[in-house]
Amino acid sequence: MPTCADLKSVNFAVRSSAEASLEEVSPMEPEKRVVGVKQSRKAIREGRARRVFLAGDADPALTGPIAAECAAAGIPVETERTMAQLGRACGISVGASVAVELTD
């Protein structure tokens, strides 16, 4: 059975590898995206969302309803990025739980 020390080292390793890949996140153009739960839900409701990015490490209470809305609307969802990576891709200095790529 793993000890607390074992679990901490595993979590650290996962977090470190995710943070190391920040350079691989391509930036999203400001006029073609929205960031945040409220703006994202509005874009989904209005049919302006092309693709939705949900941070894999975000609170499921925030991302779950958005994922359900996307499934109902047939909008593709990506969950491979962390909050830090999404924030960086959106050009903000804090993490982001949700970002939406808008239609043209």
N, C-alpha and C. Protein backbone atom coordinates (compact mmCIF):
# COMPACT_ATOMS: atom_id res chain seq x y z
N MET A 1 0.84 -1.18 0.00
CA MET A 1 0.00 0.00 0.00
C MET A 1 0.89 1.25 0.00
N PRO A 2 0.60 2.22 -0.88
CA PRO A 2 1.44 3.41 -0.95
C PRO A 2 1.29 4.28 0.30
N THR A 3 2.37 4.91 0.67
CA THR A 3 2.34 5.84 1.80
C THR A 3 2.06 7.24 1.29
N CYS A 4 1.83 8.16 2.21
CA CYS A 4 1.61 9.55 1.83
C CYS A 4 2.81 10.11 1.09
N ALA A 5 4.00 9.74 1.50
CA ALA A 5 5.21 10.22 0.82
C ALA A 5 5.23 9.74 -0.62
N ASP A 6 4.81 8.49 -0.85
CA ASP A 6 4.76 7.96 -2.23
C ASP A 6 3.77 8.75 -3.07
N LEU A 7 2.61 9.03 -2.52
CA LEU A 7 1.59 9.76 -3.26
C LEU A 7 2.03 11.18 -3.57
N LYS A 8 2.70 11.83 -2.63
CA LYS A 8 3.19 13.19 -2.87
C LYS A 8 4.20 13.20 -4.01
N SER A 9 5.07 12.21 -4.06
CA SER A 9 6.06 12.19 -5.14
C SER A 9 5.40 11.92 -6.48
N VAL A 10 4.36 11.10 -6.50
CA VAL A 10 3.64 10.84 -7.76
C VAL A 10 2.95 12.10 -8.23
N ASN A 11 2.25 12.78 -7.32
CA ASN A 11 1.57 14.03 -7.70
C ASN A 11 2.57 15.06 -8.19
N PHE A 12 3.72 15.15 -7.53
CA PHE A 12 4.73 16.10 -7.94
C PHE A 12 5.23 15.77 -9.35
N ALA A 13 5.44 14.48 -9.62
CA ALA A 13 5.94 14.08 -10.93
C ALA A 13 4.93 14.41 -12.02
N VAL A 14 3.67 14.17 -11.76
CA VAL A 14 2.63 14.48 -12.75
C VAL A 14 2.55 15.98 -12.97
N ARG A 15 2.56 16.73 -11.90
CA ARG A 15 2.48 18.18 -12.02
C ARG A 15 3.70 18.73 -12.75
N SER A 16 4.87 18.19 -12.46
CA SER A 16 6.09 18.67 -13.11
C SER A 16 6.08 18.41 -14.60
N SER A 17 5.62 17.24 -15.02
CA SER A 17 5.61 16.94 -16.45
C SER A 17 4.58 17.80 -17.17
N ALA A 18 3.47 18.10 -16.53
CA ALA A 18 2.46 18.96 -17.15
C ALA A 18 3.00 20.38 -17.29
N GLU A 19 3.65 20.87 -16.26
CA GLU A 19 4.20 22.22 -16.30
C GLU A 19 5.34 22.32 -17.30
N ALA A 20 6.08 21.25 -17.49
CA ALA A 20 7.22 21.27 -18.41
C ALA A 20 6.76 21.43 -19.85
N SER A 21 5.53 21.04 -20.16
CA SER A 21 5.06 21.10 -21.54
C SER A 21 4.35 22.40 -21.87
N LEU A 22 4.50 23.42 -21.04
CA LEU A 22 3.85 24.70 -21.30
C LEU A 22 4.26 25.30 -22.64
N GLU A 23 5.50 25.06 -23.05
CA GLU A 23 5.96 25.63 -24.31
C GLU A 23 5.18 25.07 -25.50
N GLU A 24 4.59 23.89 -25.34
CA GLU A 24 3.89 23.25 -26.43
C GLU A 24 2.50 23.82 -26.66
N VAL A 25 2.01 24.67 -25.76
CA VAL A 25 0.67 25.23 -25.89
C VAL A 25 0.73 26.38 -26.87
N SER A 26 -0.06 26.28 -27.93
CA SER A 26 -0.07 27.36 -28.90
C SER A 26 -1.04 28.44 -28.42
N PRO A 27 -0.66 29.71 -28.59
CA PRO A 27 -1.51 30.79 -28.11
C PRO A 27 -2.79 30.91 -28.93
N MET A 28 -3.85 31.33 -28.26
CA MET A 28 -5.13 31.55 -28.92
C MET A 28 -5.26 33.04 -29.19
N GLU A 29 -5.72 33.40 -30.38
CA GLU A 29 -5.88 34.81 -30.73
C GLU A 29 -7.02 35.42 -29.92
N PRO A 30 -6.82 36.62 -29.35
CA PRO A 30 -7.83 37.22 -28.49
C PRO A 30 -9.20 37.38 -29.12
N GLU A 31 -9.26 37.71 -30.40
CA GLU A 31 -10.56 37.92 -31.04
C GLU A 31 -11.26 36.61 -31.41
N LYS A 32 -10.56 35.48 -31.26
CA LYS A 32 -11.14 34.19 -31.62
C LYS A 32 -11.35 33.29 -30.42
N ARG A 33 -11.39 33.86 -29.20
CA ARG A 33 -11.57 33.03 -28.02
C ARG A 33 -12.23 33.82 -26.90
N VAL A 34 -12.83 33.09 -25.99
CA VAL A 34 -13.30 33.67 -24.73
C VAL A 34 -12.74 32.80 -23.62
N VAL A 35 -12.56 33.40 -22.45
CA VAL A 35 -11.98 32.70 -21.31
C VAL A 35 -12.91 32.87 -20.12
N GLY A 36 -13.06 31.81 -19.36
CA GLY A 36 -13.85 31.88 -18.15
C GLY A 36 -15.18 31.16 -18.29
N VAL A 37 -15.74 30.80 -17.17
CA VAL A 37 -16.95 29.99 -17.14
C VAL A 37 -18.14 30.75 -17.72
N LYS A 38 -18.39 31.97 -17.25
CA LYS A 38 -19.58 32.71 -17.69
C LYS A 38 -19.54 33.03 -19.18
N GLN A 39 -18.42 33.56 -19.65
CA GLN A 39 -18.31 33.90 -21.07
C GLN A 39 -18.37 32.66 -21.94
N SER A 40 -17.79 31.57 -21.47
CA SER A 40 -17.79 30.32 -22.24
C SER A 40 -19.20 29.76 -22.36
N ARG A 41 -19.94 29.75 -21.25
CA ARG A 41 -21.31 29.23 -21.29
C ARG A 41 -22.17 30.08 -22.22
N LYS A 42 -21.97 31.37 -22.22
CA LYS A 42 -22.72 32.27 -23.11
C LYS A 42 -22.40 31.96 -24.57
N ALA A 43 -21.13 31.78 -24.89
CA ALA A 43 -20.73 31.47 -26.27
C ALA A 43 -21.32 30.13 -26.72
N ILE A 44 -21.37 29.15 -25.81
CA ILE A 44 -21.94 27.84 -26.14
C ILE A 44 -23.43 27.98 -26.41
N ARG A 45 -24.14 28.68 -25.51
CA ARG A 45 -25.59 28.89 -25.68
C ARG A 45 -25.91 29.61 -26.98
N GLU A 46 -25.08 30.58 -27.36
CA GLU A 46 -25.33 31.38 -28.56
C GLU A 46 -24.86 30.70 -29.84
N GLY A 47 -24.26 29.53 -29.73
CA GLY A 47 -23.81 28.80 -30.91
C GLY A 47 -22.54 29.37 -31.53
N ARG A 48 -21.76 30.10 -30.76
CA ARG A 48 -20.52 30.70 -31.28
C ARG A 48 -19.29 29.87 -30.97
N ALA A 49 -19.44 28.75 -30.26
CA ALA A 49 -18.29 27.93 -29.85
C ALA A 49 -17.96 26.89 -30.91
N ARG A 50 -16.72 26.87 -31.34
CA ARG A 50 -16.23 25.87 -32.27
C ARG A 50 -15.65 24.68 -31.51
N ARG A 51 -14.87 24.98 -30.45
CA ARG A 51 -14.21 23.96 -29.65
C ARG A 51 -14.04 24.50 -28.24
N VAL A 52 -14.16 23.62 -27.26
CA VAL A 52 -14.06 24.03 -25.86
C VAL A 52 -12.88 23.31 -25.22
N PHE A 53 -12.11 24.06 -24.44
CA PHE A 53 -10.97 23.51 -23.71
C PHE A 53 -11.30 23.57 -22.22
N LEU A 54 -11.32 22.41 -21.58
CA LEU A 54 -11.55 22.32 -20.15
C LEU A 54 -10.25 21.86 -19.49
N ALA A 55 -9.82 22.58 -18.47
CA ALA A 55 -8.60 22.20 -17.77
C ALA A 55 -8.83 20.89 -17.02
N GLY A 56 -7.93 19.95 -17.20
CA GLY A 56 -8.04 18.66 -16.55
C GLY A 56 -7.91 18.72 -15.04
N ASP A 57 -7.27 19.78 -14.53
CA ASP A 57 -7.09 19.90 -13.09
C ASP A 57 -8.07 20.90 -12.46
N ALA A 58 -9.06 21.33 -13.22
CA ALA A 58 -10.06 22.27 -12.69
C ALA A 58 -11.12 21.52 -11.89
N ASP A 59 -11.86 22.25 -11.08
CA ASP A 59 -12.92 21.68 -10.26
C ASP A 59 -14.02 21.12 -11.15
N PRO A 60 -14.34 19.84 -11.02
CA PRO A 60 -15.39 19.23 -11.84
C PRO A 60 -16.76 19.88 -11.64
N ALA A 61 -16.98 20.53 -10.51
CA ALA A 61 -18.24 21.24 -10.30
C ALA A 61 -18.38 22.41 -11.28
N LEU A 62 -17.26 22.96 -11.73
CA LEU A 62 -17.27 24.04 -12.72
C LEU A 62 -17.31 23.50 -14.15
N THR A 63 -16.49 22.49 -14.41
CA THR A 63 -16.35 22.01 -15.78
C THR A 63 -17.41 21.00 -16.19
N GLY A 64 -17.99 20.28 -15.24
CA GLY A 64 -18.99 19.26 -15.55
C GLY A 64 -20.20 19.79 -16.31
N PRO A 65 -20.84 20.86 -15.82
CA PRO A 65 -22.00 21.40 -16.55
C PRO A 65 -21.64 21.90 -17.95
N ILE A 66 -20.44 22.44 -18.09
CA ILE A 66 -20.02 22.93 -19.42
C ILE A 66 -19.81 21.75 -20.35
N ALA A 67 -19.20 20.68 -19.85
CA ALA A 67 -19.01 19.48 -20.67
C ALA A 67 -20.36 18.91 -21.11
N ALA A 68 -21.35 18.95 -20.22
CA ALA A 68 -22.69 18.45 -20.55
C ALA A 68 -23.34 19.32 -21.63
N GLU A 69 -23.19 20.64 -21.52
CA GLU A 69 -23.74 21.54 -22.54
C GLU A 69 -23.09 21.28 -23.89
N CYS A 70 -21.79 21.05 -23.89
CA CYS A 70 -21.06 20.78 -25.13
C CYS A 70 -21.53 19.47 -25.75
N ALA A 71 -21.72 18.45 -24.93
CA ALA A 71 -22.19 17.16 -25.43
C ALA A 71 -23.56 17.31 -26.07
N ALA A 72 -24.44 18.07 -25.44
CA ALA A 72 -25.78 18.28 -25.97
C ALA A 72 -25.75 19.07 -27.28
N ALA A 73 -24.80 19.99 -27.40
CA ALA A 73 -24.70 20.84 -28.60
C ALA A 73 -23.78 20.24 -29.67
N GLY A 74 -23.11 19.14 -29.36
CA GLY A 74 -22.20 18.52 -30.33
C GLY A 74 -20.91 19.28 -30.52
N ILE A 75 -20.46 19.97 -29.50
CA ILE A 75 -19.23 20.75 -29.58
C ILE A 75 -18.08 19.91 -29.03
N PRO A 76 -16.97 19.80 -29.78
CA PRO A 76 -15.83 19.01 -29.30
C PRO A 76 -15.19 19.64 -28.07
N VAL A 77 -14.76 18.79 -27.15
CA VAL A 77 -14.15 19.23 -25.89
C VAL A 77 -12.77 18.60 -25.77
N GLU A 78 -11.79 19.41 -25.39
CA GLU A 78 -10.44 18.91 -25.11
C GLU A 78 -10.13 19.13 -23.64
N THR A 79 -9.55 18.12 -22.99
CA THR A 79 -9.28 18.20 -21.56
C THR A 79 -7.82 17.89 -21.23
N GLU A 80 -6.93 17.93 -22.19
CA GLU A 80 -5.54 17.53 -21.97
C GLU A 80 -4.70 18.58 -21.27
N ARG A 81 -5.13 19.82 -21.24
CA ARG A 81 -4.29 20.89 -20.69
C ARG A 81 -4.63 21.17 -19.23
N THR A 82 -3.68 21.76 -18.52
CA THR A 82 -3.88 22.18 -17.15
C THR A 82 -4.41 23.61 -17.13
N MET A 83 -4.82 24.07 -15.95
CA MET A 83 -5.28 25.45 -15.83
C MET A 83 -4.16 26.43 -16.20
N ALA A 84 -2.95 26.15 -15.77
CA ALA A 84 -1.81 27.02 -16.08
C ALA A 84 -1.58 27.08 -17.59
N GLN A 85 -1.66 25.95 -18.26
CA GLN A 85 -1.45 25.92 -19.71
C GLN A 85 -2.56 26.68 -20.44
N LEU A 86 -3.80 26.52 -20.02
CA LEU A 86 -4.89 27.26 -20.66
C LEU A 86 -4.73 28.76 -20.45
N GLY A 87 -4.39 29.16 -19.24
CA GLY A 87 -4.18 30.58 -18.98
C GLY A 87 -3.09 31.15 -19.85
N ARG A 88 -2.01 30.40 -19.95
CA ARG A 88 -0.88 30.86 -20.78
C ARG A 88 -1.28 30.95 -22.26
N ALA A 89 -2.01 29.96 -22.75
CA ALA A 89 -2.45 29.96 -24.15
C ALA A 89 -3.38 31.13 -24.44
N CYS A 90 -4.12 31.57 -23.41
CA CYS A 90 -5.06 32.68 -23.58
C CYS A 90 -4.42 34.03 -23.28
N GLY A 91 -3.15 34.01 -22.91
CA GLY A 91 -2.44 35.25 -22.67
C GLY A 91 -2.79 35.94 -21.36
N ILE A 92 -3.24 35.16 -20.37
CA ILE A 92 -3.52 35.75 -19.06
C ILE A 92 -2.51 35.23 -18.04
N SER A 93 -2.34 35.97 -16.97
CA SER A 93 -1.29 35.61 -16.00
C SER A 93 -1.77 34.66 -14.92
N VAL A 94 -3.01 34.22 -14.98
CA VAL A 94 -3.54 33.26 -14.02
C VAL A 94 -4.07 32.04 -14.79
N GLY A 95 -4.38 31.01 -14.07
CA GLY A 95 -4.92 29.81 -14.71
C GLY A 95 -6.35 30.03 -15.19
N ALA A 96 -6.76 29.20 -16.13
CA ALA A 96 -8.13 29.27 -16.66
C ALA A 96 -8.73 27.88 -16.62
N SER A 97 -9.96 27.78 -16.14
CA SER A 97 -10.66 26.49 -16.10
C SER A 97 -11.25 26.16 -17.46
N VAL A 98 -11.71 27.18 -18.16
CA VAL A 98 -12.42 26.99 -19.42
C VAL A 98 -11.98 28.04 -20.42
N ALA A 99 -11.80 27.62 -21.67
CA ALA A 99 -11.56 28.54 -22.76
C ALA A 99 -12.32 28.00 -23.97
N VAL A 100 -12.81 28.91 -24.80
CA VAL A 100 -13.59 28.52 -25.97
C VAL A 100 -12.99 29.15 -27.20
N GLU A 101 -12.78 28.32 -28.21
CA GLU A 101 -12.38 28.81 -29.52
C GLU A 101 -13.66 29.15 -30.27
N LEU A 102 -13.78 30.39 -30.73
CA LEU A 102 -14.99 30.84 -31.37
C LEU A 102 -15.01 30.54 -32.86
N THR A 103 -16.21 30.44 -33.40
CA THR A 103 -16.37 30.27 -34.85
C THR A 103 -15.98 31.57 -35.54
N ASP A 104 -15.69 31.49 -36.80
CA ASP A 104 -15.28 32.69 -37.56
C ASP A 104 -16.40 33.67 -37.75
